[in-house]
Protein backbone atom coordinates (compact mmCIF):
# COMPACT_ATOMS: atom_id res chain seq x y z
CA MET A 1 -0.68 10.07 -20.09
CA ILE A 2 -3.44 9.29 -18.36
CA VAL A 3 -3.94 5.25 -19.41
CA LEU A 4 -0.27 4.89 -17.57
CA TYR A 5 -1.93 7.10 -14.75
CA ILE A 6 -4.64 4.57 -14.34
CA LEU A 7 -2.78 1.81 -15.44
CA ILE A 8 -0.12 1.93 -12.26
CA GLY A 9 -3.04 2.58 -9.79
CA THR A 10 -4.71 -1.00 -10.82
CA GLY A 11 -2.03 -2.00 -10.47
CA TRP A 12 -0.99 -0.86 -7.19
CA VAL A 13 -4.42 -1.13 -5.35
CA TRP A 14 -4.66 -4.52 -6.62
CA TRP A 15 -1.24 -5.50 -5.38
CA LEU A 16 -1.76 -3.64 -2.27
CA GLU A 17 -4.80 -4.82 -1.33
CA TRP A 18 -3.54 -8.60 -1.91
CA PHE A 19 -0.57 -8.03 0.56
CA THR A 20 -2.77 -6.32 3.78
CA THR A 21 -5.42 -9.23 2.87
CA THR A 22 -2.95 -11.57 3.13
CA ASN A 23 0.08 -10.64 5.88
CA LEU A 24 -1.77 -8.03 8.53
CA GLU A 25 -4.20 -9.56 10.82
CA GLY A 26 -7.31 -7.35 12.57
CA VAL A 27 -8.92 -4.25 11.19
CA TYR A 28 -5.72 -3.80 8.46
CA GLY A 29 -6.35 -7.56 7.02
CA GLU A 30 -10.35 -7.04 6.18
CA PRO A 31 -11.11 -7.25 3.19
CA TRP A 32 -11.46 -3.73 1.18
CA LYS A 33 -14.54 -1.58 0.74
CA ASN A 34 -14.66 0.23 -2.90
CA ARG A 35 -14.19 3.63 -0.77
CA GLU A 36 -10.56 2.31 -0.20
CA ARG A 37 -10.24 0.68 -3.87
CA LEU A 38 -11.07 4.26 -4.93
CA PHE A 39 -8.96 6.46 -2.66
CA HIS A 40 -5.62 3.89 -3.29
CA TRP A 41 -6.41 4.07 -6.87
CA PHE A 42 -7.04 7.84 -7.43
CA PHE A 43 -4.09 8.98 -5.25
CA TRP A 44 -1.68 5.62 -5.94
CA PRO A 45 1.21 8.65 -5.82
CA TYR A 46 0.27 9.71 -2.22
CA SER A 47 -0.37 5.89 -0.95
CA LEU A 48 2.88 4.65 -2.62
CA THR A 49 5.19 7.11 -1.18
CA THR A 50 3.39 6.47 2.26
CA PHE A 51 4.15 2.87 2.23
CA LEU A 52 7.27 3.03 1.08
CA TYR A 53 8.30 5.49 3.30
CA ALA A 54 6.66 3.31 6.45
CA MET A 55 8.53 0.71 5.26
CA VAL A 56 11.92 2.03 4.70
CA LYS A 57 11.58 3.07 8.44
CA GLU A 58 10.37 0.24 10.04
CA SER A 59 13.11 -1.51 8.19
CA ASN A 60 15.62 0.75 10.04
CA ASN A 61 13.82 0.75 13.41
CA ARG A 62 13.95 -3.54 13.27
CA ASN A 63 18.61 -3.18 12.03
CA LYS A 64 19.02 -0.66 14.81
CA GLY A 65 17.93 -3.40 17.43
CA ASN A 66 20.22 -5.82 15.65
CA GLU A 67 23.26 -4.03 15.57
């Protein structure tokens, strides 16, 4: 069970760091520090949930403008 938690966290950190550094500009697009990696690795359920919530919310806001 712990191994699965660590594997999912590792995959999430890898993908999130890649996504932010290649798709975002300014402060959010800068390379990560180990402290950020550790936070998102250890607390990946919170990090992933927050990311998905913000993505859905932004998607809904963009779709409201197209109606």
